[in-house]
Amino acid sequence: MRLAASPSASVERVAKKSSGGTPATKALTKAGIAFTTHAYEHNPAVAAYGLEAAAALGLDPARVFKTLLVELDDSPITLGVGIVPVDKHLDLKAIAVALGAKRAGLCPPVNAERITGYVIGGISPVGQKRQLPTVLADSAAAYDKIYVSGGKRGFDIGIAPEDLIRATGASYAPIAR
């Protein structure tokens, strides 16, 4: 059963060519994938970016997802992306298994920024410099819309989980704990 999205002040975007926006919104627009935009005032003193977004937007933290990069050992794939609710942790063993590796570790922040082209706290799973193997926590399937970073701090996008999977080539797996 999918849970309905809560109403919020946002704008639904569909395939309209535009020169503005973040790499994430440009990629979604180019792909013709509908999404909503949700801006909020980011407090630079806050380090828990995802929980800040959930509170600022008045959303259940289980519906707001963070994007984390992992480095993989003993695998032909060296990097991957895990997308989990902001009130959970990424299960490194589970994402390693989902990506066909023996071990996974979090990518250092400076490397994550260089690899994705986004800053920490604003890393979107969409529109990264290069497409990495991506896994979305299976809890996302319970919702008609989830929220992920739109590509900068203080900016999230609302998107159907199936559309996020289509945009990123992701698969579902139980990677949150």
Protein backbone atom coordinates (compact mmCIF):
# COMPACT_ATOMS: atom_id res chain seq x y z
CA MET A 1 0.00 0.00 0.00
CA ARG A 2 1.38 3.40 -0.96
CA LEU A 3 0.99 6.33 1.39
CA ALA A 4 -0.22 9.58 -0.12
CA ALA A 5 2.05 12.59 -0.28
CA SER A 6 1.32 15.43 2.08
CA PRO A 7 0.32 18.69 0.43
CA SER A 8 3.01 21.34 0.33
CA ALA A 9 3.75 24.49 -1.56
CA SER A 10 5.68 23.26 -4.56
CA VAL A 11 5.77 23.39 -8.29
CA GLU A 12 5.28 20.28 -10.41
CA ARG A 13 7.86 20.13 -13.18
CA VAL A 14 7.48 18.18 -16.37
CA ALA A 15 9.58 18.06 -19.51
CA LYS A 16 10.03 21.74 -20.26
CA LYS A 17 13.38 22.78 -21.66
CA SER A 18 15.09 25.23 -19.33
CA SER A 19 18.59 26.54 -18.95
CA GLY A 20 18.19 27.16 -15.18
CA GLY A 21 18.25 24.71 -12.33
CA THR A 22 20.64 22.18 -10.89
CA PRO A 23 22.12 19.23 -12.77
CA ALA A 24 19.45 17.09 -11.04
CA THR A 25 16.49 19.17 -12.21
CA LYS A 26 17.98 19.53 -15.68
CA ALA A 27 18.45 15.74 -15.96
CA LEU A 28 14.88 15.04 -14.79
CA THR A 29 13.44 17.64 -17.14
CA LYS A 30 15.44 16.26 -20.06
CA ALA A 31 14.17 12.75 -19.25
CA GLY A 32 10.57 13.97 -19.06
CA ILE A 33 10.21 12.86 -15.43
CA ALA A 34 7.78 14.78 -13.22
CA PHE A 35 9.06 16.18 -9.93
CA THR A 36 8.25 18.90 -7.43
CA THR A 37 10.70 21.44 -6.03
CA HIS A 38 10.97 22.29 -2.34
CA ALA A 39 13.32 25.06 -1.22
CA TYR A 40 13.99 25.93 2.40
CA GLU A 41 16.41 28.14 4.31
CA HIS A 42 19.50 26.05 5.15
CA ASN A 43 21.12 26.78 8.51
CA PRO A 44 24.92 26.48 8.06
CA ALA A 45 25.27 25.46 11.74
CA VAL A 46 23.24 22.28 11.14
CA ALA A 47 25.22 19.17 10.18
CA ALA A 48 22.28 16.72 9.88
CA TYR A 49 21.22 18.00 6.46
CA GLY A 50 18.51 15.43 5.79
CA LEU A 51 16.81 15.82 9.16
CA GLU A 52 16.99 19.59 8.69
CA ALA A 53 15.21 19.22 5.32
CA ALA A 54 12.48 17.01 6.80
CA ALA A 55 11.83 19.47 9.64
CA ALA A 56 11.97 22.57 7.40
CA LEU A 57 9.57 21.02 4.87
CA GLY A 58 7.25 19.52 7.50
CA LEU A 59 7.80 15.98 6.21
CA ASP A 60 8.06 12.62 7.92
CA PRO A 61 11.82 11.80 8.00
CA ALA A 62 11.00 8.31 6.69
CA ARG A 63 10.00 9.95 3.37
CA VAL A 64 13.10 12.13 3.04
CA PHE A 65 16.10 10.23 1.67
CA LYS A 66 19.82 10.94 1.81
CA THR A 67 22.31 10.01 -0.87
CA LEU A 68 25.53 8.34 0.26
CA LEU A 69 28.51 7.22 -1.82
CA VAL A 70 30.29 4.00 -0.98
CA GLU A 71 33.63 2.54 -1.96
CA LEU A 72 33.57 -1.19 -2.68
CA ASP A 73 36.29 -3.78 -2.06
CA ASP A 74 36.79 -7.04 -3.95
CA SER A 75 34.46 -6.02 -6.76
CA PRO A 76 34.78 -4.89 -10.37
CA ILE A 77 32.58 -1.96 -9.30
CA THR A 78 34.62 0.47 -7.20
CA LEU A 79 31.94 3.01 -6.28
CA GLY A 80 28.21 2.92 -5.63
CA VAL A 81 25.34 5.03 -4.34
CA GLY A 82 22.98 4.19 -1.50
CA ILE A 83 19.76 6.13 -0.95
CA VAL A 84 18.23 5.68 2.52
CA PRO A 85 15.76 7.55 4.76
CA VAL A 86 17.39 10.38 6.71
CA ASP A 87 16.29 8.85 10.01
CA LYS A 88 18.14 5.59 9.23
CA HIS A 89 21.73 4.50 8.60
CA LEU A 90 23.12 2.85 5.51
CA ASP A 91 23.80 -0.83 6.20
CA LEU A 92 27.24 -1.22 4.63
CA LYS A 93 27.08 -5.02 4.52
CA ALA A 94 23.67 -4.91 2.83
CA ILE A 95 24.73 -2.43 0.15
CA ALA A 96 27.90 -4.43 -0.51
CA VAL A 97 25.76 -7.51 -1.13
CA ALA A 98 23.30 -5.53 -3.28
CA LEU A 99 26.18 -4.29 -5.44
CA GLY A 100 27.95 -7.65 -5.63
CA ALA A 101 30.89 -6.76 -3.38
CA LYS A 102 32.30 -8.29 -0.21
CA ARG A 103 32.76 -5.01 1.65
CA ALA A 104 31.67 -1.41 1.41
CA GLY A 105 32.80 1.72 3.23
CA LEU A 106 31.57 5.27 3.12
CA CYS A 107 33.36 7.43 0.59
CA PRO A 108 35.27 10.33 2.22
CA PRO A 109 33.30 13.59 1.85
CA VAL A 110 35.94 15.33 -0.29
CA ASN A 111 35.93 12.38 -2.71
CA ALA A 112 32.12 12.24 -2.77
CA GLU A 113 32.01 15.91 -3.77
CA ARG A 114 34.62 15.44 -6.50
CA ILE A 115 32.95 12.32 -7.90
CA THR A 116 29.38 13.64 -7.94
CA GLY A 117 29.92 17.33 -8.64
CA TYR A 118 27.73 18.22 -5.66
CA VAL A 119 28.56 19.49 -2.16
CA ILE A 120 27.96 17.39 0.96
CA GLY A 121 24.42 18.05 2.16
CA GLY A 122 23.36 18.67 -1.43
CA ILE A 123 24.34 15.43 -3.17
CA SER A 124 21.47 14.37 -5.38
CA PRO A 125 21.16 10.83 -6.72
CA VAL A 126 20.22 12.40 -10.07
CA GLY A 127 22.51 14.36 -12.38
CA GLN A 128 25.83 13.26 -10.93
CA LYS A 129 28.97 13.70 -13.06
CA ARG A 130 28.80 10.00 -13.95
CA GLN A 131 26.16 7.35 -13.43
CA LEU A 132 27.14 5.02 -10.59
CA PRO A 133 25.43 1.76 -9.61
CA THR A 134 22.63 2.88 -7.30
CA VAL A 135 20.50 1.15 -4.66
CA LEU A 136 17.33 2.65 -3.18
CA ALA A 137 16.14 1.47 0.23
CA ASP A 138 13.14 -0.79 -0.27
CA SER A 139 11.09 1.27 2.22
CA ALA A 140 10.71 3.92 -0.52
CA ALA A 141 8.26 1.65 -2.35
CA ALA A 142 5.65 2.33 0.37
CA TYR A 143 5.24 5.95 -0.76
CA ASP A 144 3.81 7.58 -3.84
CA LYS A 145 6.43 10.35 -3.48
CA ILE A 146 9.76 10.60 -1.68
CA TYR A 147 12.10 13.53 -1.27
CA VAL A 148 15.80 13.65 -2.16
CA SER A 149 18.32 16.44 -2.49
CA GLY A 150 17.78 18.54 -5.57
CA GLY A 151 21.49 19.25 -5.95
CA LYS A 152 22.24 21.91 -3.36
CA ARG A 153 21.76 22.53 0.33
CA GLY A 154 18.31 23.91 1.08
CA PHE A 155 16.69 22.36 -1.98
CA ASP A 156 14.88 19.02 -2.26
CA ILE A 157 12.84 17.44 -5.01
CA GLY A 158 9.77 15.28 -4.61
CA ILE A 159 9.65 12.32 -6.96
CA ALA A 160 7.85 9.00 -7.30
CA PRO A 161 10.21 6.18 -6.25
CA GLU A 162 9.71 4.39 -9.58
CA ASP A 163 10.67 7.58 -11.42
CA LEU A 164 13.79 7.92 -9.28
CA ILE A 165 14.69 4.34 -10.18
CA ARG A 166 14.15 5.13 -13.84
CA ALA A 167 16.27 8.29 -13.62
CA THR A 168 19.19 6.62 -11.83
CA GLY A 169 19.03 3.00 -12.98
CA ALA A 170 18.67 2.04 -9.31
CA SER A 171 17.32 -1.13 -7.80
CA TYR A 172 15.48 -1.68 -4.53
CA ALA A 173 17.18 -3.51 -1.65
CA PRO A 174 16.90 -3.59 2.16
CA ILE A 175 19.92 -1.34 2.78
CA ALA A 176 18.64 0.84 5.66
CA ARG A 177 18.91 0.00 9.34
